[in-house]
Amino acid sequence: PEHVAYLGSASKTLAPGLRLGWLLLPAALVEPVREQKLLDDGGTGVLDQLALARLLDGDAYDRHLRLARRRNRLRRDALQAALAEHLPGTRLEGMAAGLHAIARLPRPVPLGLLTANADARGVGVGGIPAADGTTDALVLGYAALSEPAIAEGVRRLAAALAETGA
């Protein structure tokens, strides 16, 4: 315990704008970290901290996490199904409990052309670029979308990909 620091954040599970996290520190580090924190940003909002503390004290935060994980798993499943239907041969990578996934395309496509085509269809997509400006790895966020919106987004993405000649 005197050699390990534990840290966590509520940014992805509650709201990134709150900028709330926690540290469980060895005793020798508490005061130096406290001083650095004060120098760094002058502190964090007291009401925000109290609200998070109340969530953590009860079971509300754990209940919220369980529901969020279940909801995100259903959304990831919807993404997987939509990819299988509209972009056969695409493999989904990344943690099943995350907020985004990597979709591995069967073959590389020009990244700039794909993002422009997708943008024209109202779909935001990022790719992991190769040195030649192509990509076979798309970064797809799904946590903020409903299952029908995910299916529609993948349908539009498939049309954007088809327009690139893929």
C-alpha atoms as a PDB file:
ATOM      1  CA  PRO A   1       0.000   0.000   0.000  1.00  0.00           C
ATOM      2  CA  GLU A   2       2.860   2.413   0.628  1.00  0.00           C
ATOM      3  CA  HIS A   3       4.224   1.926  -2.900  1.00  0.00           C
ATOM      4  CA  VAL A   4       1.042   2.000  -4.986  1.00  0.00           C
ATOM      5  CA  ALA A   5      -1.166   4.909  -6.013  1.00  0.00           C
ATOM      6  CA  TYR A   6      -4.685   4.256  -7.262  1.00  0.00           C
ATOM      7  CA  LEU A   7      -6.452   6.773  -9.442  1.00  0.00           C
ATOM      8  CA  GLY A   8      -9.757   7.029 -11.193  1.00  0.00           C
ATOM      9  CA  SER A   9     -11.893   9.453 -13.124  1.00  0.00           C
ATOM     10  CA  ALA A  10     -15.585  10.081 -13.600  1.00  0.00           C
ATOM     11  CA  SER A  11     -15.026  11.873 -16.907  1.00  0.00           C
ATOM     12  CA  LYS A  12     -16.268   9.131 -19.223  1.00  0.00           C
ATOM     13  CA  THR A  13     -18.878   7.744 -16.869  1.00  0.00           C
ATOM     14  CA  LEU A  14     -20.569  10.973 -15.756  1.00  0.00           C
ATOM     15  CA  ALA A  15     -19.514  14.117 -17.576  1.00  0.00           C
ATOM     16  CA  PRO A  16     -16.108  15.154 -18.954  1.00  0.00           C
ATOM     17  CA  GLY A  17     -16.805  18.803 -18.159  1.00  0.00           C
ATOM     18  CA  LEU A  18     -16.848  18.086 -14.433  1.00  0.00           C
ATOM     19  CA  ARG A  19     -13.163  17.109 -14.488  1.00  0.00           C
ATOM     20  CA  LEU A  20     -13.537  14.950 -11.397  1.00  0.00           C
ATOM     21  CA  GLY A  21     -11.278  12.127 -10.369  1.00  0.00           C
ATOM     22  CA  TRP A  22      -9.747  10.629  -7.285  1.00  0.00           C
ATOM     23  CA  LEU A  23      -6.440   9.421  -5.927  1.00  0.00           C
ATOM     24  CA  LEU A  24      -5.671   6.922  -3.202  1.00  0.00           C
ATOM     25  CA  LEU A  25      -2.075   7.673  -2.328  1.00  0.00           C
ATOM     26  CA  PRO A  26       0.640   6.345  -0.074  1.00  0.00           C
ATOM     27  CA  ALA A  27       0.844   8.595   2.985  1.00  0.00           C
ATOM     28  CA  ALA A  28       4.194  10.065   1.935  1.00  0.00           C
ATOM     29  CA  LEU A  29       2.684  11.384  -1.310  1.00  0.00           C
ATOM     30  CA  VAL A  30      -0.485  13.000   0.028  1.00  0.00           C
ATOM     31  CA  GLU A  31       0.972  16.389   0.921  1.00  0.00           C
ATOM     32  CA  PRO A  32       3.235  16.791  -2.150  1.00  0.00           C
ATOM     33  CA  VAL A  33       0.347  15.888  -4.468  1.00  0.00           C
ATOM     34  CA  ARG A  34      -2.018  18.246  -2.624  1.00  0.00           C
ATOM     35  CA  GLU A  35       0.486  21.106  -3.025  1.00  0.00           C
ATOM     36  CA  GLN A  36       0.995  20.366  -6.711  1.00  0.00           C
ATOM     37  CA  LYS A  37      -2.762  20.222  -7.292  1.00  0.00           C
ATOM     38  CA  LEU A  38      -3.188  23.668  -5.747  1.00  0.00           C
ATOM     39  CA  LEU A  39      -0.378  25.053  -7.903  1.00  0.00           C
ATOM     40  CA  ASP A  40      -1.789  23.391 -10.980  1.00  0.00           C
ATOM     41  CA  ASP A  41      -5.361  24.701 -11.011  1.00  0.00           C
ATOM     42  CA  GLY A  42      -6.341  26.226  -7.681  1.00  0.00           C
ATOM     43  CA  GLY A  43      -8.697  23.403  -6.794  1.00  0.00           C
ATOM     44  CA  THR A  44     -11.874  21.789  -8.023  1.00  0.00           C
ATOM     45  CA  GLY A  45     -15.437  22.931  -7.454  1.00  0.00           C
ATOM     46  CA  VAL A  46     -16.631  21.952  -3.986  1.00  0.00           C
ATOM     47  CA  LEU A  47     -20.228  21.266  -5.036  1.00  0.00           C
ATOM     48  CA  ASP A  48     -19.077  18.983  -7.841  1.00  0.00           C
ATOM     49  CA  GLN A  49     -16.873  17.055  -5.410  1.00  0.00           C
ATOM     50  CA  LEU A  50     -19.658  16.761  -2.843  1.00  0.00           C
ATOM     51  CA  ALA A  51     -22.089  15.493  -5.470  1.00  0.00           C
ATOM     52  CA  LEU A  52     -19.616  12.834  -6.630  1.00  0.00           C
ATOM     53  CA  ALA A  53     -18.865  11.875  -3.013  1.00  0.00           C
ATOM     54  CA  ARG A  54     -22.568  11.341  -2.397  1.00  0.00           C
ATOM     55  CA  LEU A  55     -22.834   9.150  -5.505  1.00  0.00           C
ATOM     56  CA  LEU A  56     -19.830   7.115  -4.353  1.00  0.00           C
ATOM     57  CA  ASP A  57     -21.032   6.792  -0.760  1.00  0.00           C
ATOM     58  CA  GLY A  58     -24.274   5.158  -1.809  1.00  0.00           C
ATOM     59  CA  ASP A  59     -24.740   2.673  -4.570  1.00  0.00           C
ATOM     60  CA  ALA A  60     -25.925   5.244  -7.124  1.00  0.00           C
ATOM     61  CA  TYR A  61     -22.580   5.424  -8.950  1.00  0.00           C
ATOM     62  CA  ASP A  62     -22.222   1.635  -9.142  1.00  0.00           C
ATOM     63  CA  ARG A  63     -25.818   1.351 -10.370  1.00  0.00           C
ATOM     64  CA  HIS A  64     -25.124   4.041 -12.989  1.00  0.00           C
ATOM     65  CA  LEU A  65     -22.001   2.174 -14.165  1.00  0.00           C
ATOM     66  CA  ARG A  66     -23.882  -1.124 -14.490  1.00  0.00           C
ATOM     67  CA  LEU A  67     -26.610   0.528 -16.561  1.00  0.00           C
ATOM     68  CA  ALA A  68     -24.088   2.407 -18.719  1.00  0.00           C
ATOM     69  CA  ARG A  69     -22.096  -0.762 -19.400  1.00  0.00           C
ATOM     70  CA  ARG A  70     -25.238  -2.668 -20.354  1.00  0.00           C
ATOM     71  CA  ARG A  71     -26.425   0.170 -22.585  1.00  0.00           C
ATOM     72  CA  ASN A  72     -23.020   0.482 -24.256  1.00  0.00           C
ATOM     73  CA  ARG A  73     -22.846  -3.283 -24.790  1.00  0.00           C
ATOM     74  CA  LEU A  74     -26.213  -3.190 -26.577  1.00  0.00           C
ATOM     75  CA  ARG A  75     -24.993  -0.303 -28.716  1.00  0.00           C
ATOM     76  CA  ARG A  76     -21.769  -2.132 -29.559  1.00  0.00           C
ATOM     77  CA  ASP A  77     -23.841  -5.187 -30.521  1.00  0.00           C
ATOM     78  CA  ALA A  78     -25.935  -2.930 -32.769  1.00  0.00           C
ATOM     79  CA  LEU A  79     -22.741  -1.598 -34.358  1.00  0.00           C
ATOM     80  CA  GLN A  80     -21.479  -5.141 -34.937  1.00  0.00           C
ATOM     81  CA  ALA A  81     -24.779  -6.172 -36.542  1.00  0.00           C
ATOM     82  CA  ALA A  82     -24.907  -3.080 -38.761  1.00  0.00           C
ATOM     83  CA  LEU A  83     -21.330  -3.627 -39.928  1.00  0.00           C
ATOM     84  CA  ALA A  84     -22.116  -7.271 -40.736  1.00  0.00           C
ATOM     85  CA  GLU A  85     -25.144  -6.193 -42.766  1.00  0.00           C
ATOM     86  CA  HIS A  86     -23.775  -3.131 -44.574  1.00  0.00           C
ATOM     87  CA  LEU A  87     -20.003  -3.697 -44.588  1.00  0.00           C
ATOM     88  CA  PRO A  88     -19.405  -7.450 -44.685  1.00  0.00           C
ATOM     89  CA  GLY A  89     -15.826  -8.455 -43.984  1.00  0.00           C
ATOM     90  CA  THR A  90     -15.277  -5.575 -41.568  1.00  0.00           C
ATOM     91  CA  ARG A  91     -13.911  -6.697 -38.183  1.00  0.00           C
ATOM     92  CA  LEU A  92     -14.685  -4.848 -34.972  1.00  0.00           C
ATOM     93  CA  GLU A  93     -11.806  -4.403 -32.523  1.00  0.00           C
ATOM     94  CA  GLY A  94     -11.479  -2.774 -29.139  1.00  0.00           C
ATOM     95  CA  MET A  95     -12.939  -3.385 -25.713  1.00  0.00           C
ATOM     96  CA  ALA A  96     -16.557  -4.408 -25.617  1.00  0.00           C
ATOM     97  CA  ALA A  97     -17.215  -2.050 -22.693  1.00  0.00           C
ATOM     98  CA  GLY A  98     -15.742   1.045 -24.300  1.00  0.00           C
ATOM     99  CA  LEU A  99     -17.177   4.134 -25.928  1.00  0.00           C
ATOM    100  CA  HIS A 100     -15.732   3.546 -29.374  1.00  0.00           C
ATOM    101  CA  ALA A 101     -14.346   0.714 -31.468  1.00  0.00           C
ATOM    102  CA  ILE A 102     -11.963   0.202 -34.353  1.00  0.00           C
ATOM    103  CA  ALA A 103     -13.574  -1.125 -37.519  1.00  0.00           C
ATOM    104  CA  ARG A 104     -10.976  -2.927 -39.664  1.00  0.00           C
ATOM    105  CA  LEU A 105     -11.949  -2.704 -43.305  1.00  0.00           C
ATOM    106  CA  PRO A 106     -11.213  -5.565 -45.716  1.00  0.00           C
ATOM    107  CA  ARG A 107      -8.901  -3.258 -47.717  1.00  0.00           C
ATOM    108  CA  PRO A 108      -7.435   0.240 -47.395  1.00  0.00           C
ATOM    109  CA  VAL A 109      -9.284   3.287 -48.714  1.00  0.00           C
ATOM    110  CA  PRO A 110      -8.185   6.904 -49.238  1.00  0.00           C
ATOM    111  CA  LEU A 111      -8.799   8.496 -45.839  1.00  0.00           C
ATOM    112  CA  GLY A 112      -9.392  12.068 -47.031  1.00  0.00           C
ATOM    113  CA  LEU A 113     -11.913  10.978 -49.649  1.00  0.00           C
ATOM    114  CA  LEU A 114     -13.709   8.737 -47.170  1.00  0.00           C
ATOM    115  CA  THR A 115     -14.024  11.423 -44.501  1.00  0.00           C
ATOM    116  CA  ALA A 116     -15.287  13.934 -47.079  1.00  0.00           C
ATOM    117  CA  ASN A 117     -17.848  11.446 -48.425  1.00  0.00           C
ATOM    118  CA  ALA A 118     -18.964  10.512 -44.919  1.00  0.00           C
ATOM    119  CA  ASP A 119     -19.183  14.157 -43.858  1.00  0.00           C
ATOM    120  CA  ALA A 120     -21.401  14.884 -46.871  1.00  0.00           C
ATOM    121  CA  ARG A 121     -23.757  12.214 -45.530  1.00  0.00           C
ATOM    122  CA  GLY A 122     -23.739  13.613 -41.992  1.00  0.00           C
ATOM    123  CA  VAL A 123     -21.457  10.935 -40.579  1.00  0.00           C
ATOM    124  CA  GLY A 124     -18.362  11.805 -38.595  1.00  0.00           C
ATOM    125  CA  VAL A 125     -15.675   9.188 -38.928  1.00  0.00           C
ATOM    126  CA  GLY A 126     -12.018   9.112 -38.043  1.00  0.00           C
ATOM    127  CA  GLY A 127      -9.416   6.818 -39.451  1.00  0.00           C
ATOM    128  CA  ILE A 128      -5.987   5.683 -38.392  1.00  0.00           C
ATOM    129  CA  PRO A 129      -3.914   6.843 -41.356  1.00  0.00           C
ATOM    130  CA  ALA A 130      -1.209   4.827 -43.049  1.00  0.00           C
ATOM    131  CA  ALA A 131       1.879   6.562 -44.454  1.00  0.00           C
ATOM    132  CA  ASP A 132       0.322   6.657 -47.939  1.00  0.00           C
ATOM    133  CA  GLY A 133      -2.845   8.502 -46.782  1.00  0.00           C
ATOM    134  CA  THR A 134      -5.064   5.433 -46.804  1.00  0.00           C
ATOM    135  CA  THR A 135      -6.673   3.667 -43.892  1.00  0.00           C
ATOM    136  CA  ASP A 136      -8.153   0.289 -43.127  1.00  0.00           C
ATOM    137  CA  ALA A 137      -8.946   1.208 -39.518  1.00  0.00           C
ATOM    138  CA  LEU A 138     -11.910   3.459 -38.744  1.00  0.00           C
ATOM    139  CA  VAL A 139     -12.553   4.837 -35.269  1.00  0.00           C
ATOM    140  CA  LEU A 140     -16.299   4.641 -34.614  1.00  0.00           C
ATOM    141  CA  GLY A 141     -17.920   6.178 -31.557  1.00  0.00           C
ATOM    142  CA  TYR A 142     -21.210   4.624 -30.573  1.00  0.00           C
ATOM    143  CA  ALA A 143     -21.954   5.379 -26.925  1.00  0.00           C
ATOM    144  CA  ALA A 144     -23.959   8.545 -27.569  1.00  0.00           C
ATOM    145  CA  LEU A 145     -26.147   7.037 -30.299  1.00  0.00           C
ATOM    146  CA  SER A 146     -29.302   4.950 -30.191  1.00  0.00           C
ATOM    147  CA  GLU A 147     -29.309   1.548 -31.882  1.00  0.00           C
ATOM    148  CA  PRO A 148     -31.380   2.839 -34.858  1.00  0.00           C
ATOM    149  CA  ALA A 149     -29.000   5.812 -35.246  1.00  0.00           C
ATOM    150  CA  ILE A 150     -26.027   3.430 -35.247  1.00  0.00           C
ATOM    151  CA  ALA A 151     -27.610   1.310 -37.982  1.00  0.00           C
ATOM    152  CA  GLU A 152     -28.386   4.398 -40.061  1.00  0.00           C
ATOM    153  CA  GLY A 153     -24.881   5.772 -39.558  1.00  0.00           C
ATOM    154  CA  VAL A 154     -23.287   2.532 -40.715  1.00  0.00           C
ATOM    155  CA  ARG A 155     -25.617   2.436 -43.738  1.00  0.00           C
ATOM    156  CA  ARG A 156     -24.453   5.956 -44.653  1.00  0.00           C
ATOM    157  CA  LEU A 157     -20.837   5.020 -43.987  1.00  0.00           C
ATOM    158  CA  ALA A 158     -21.193   2.068 -46.349  1.00  0.00           C
ATOM    159  CA  ALA A 159     -22.457   4.428 -49.053  1.00  0.00           C
ATOM    160  CA  ALA A 160     -19.519   6.767 -48.420  1.00  0.00           C
ATOM    161  CA  LEU A 161     -17.099   3.847 -48.674  1.00  0.00           C
ATOM    162  CA  ALA A 162     -18.724   2.629 -51.900  1.00  0.00           C
ATOM    163  CA  GLU A 163     -18.206   6.078 -53.378  1.00  0.00           C
ATOM    164  CA  THR A 164     -14.461   5.797 -52.732  1.00  0.00           C
ATOM    165  CA  GLY A 165     -14.387   2.700 -54.945  1.00  0.00           C
ATOM    166  CA  ALA A 166     -13.950   0.319 -52.026  1.00  0.00           C
END
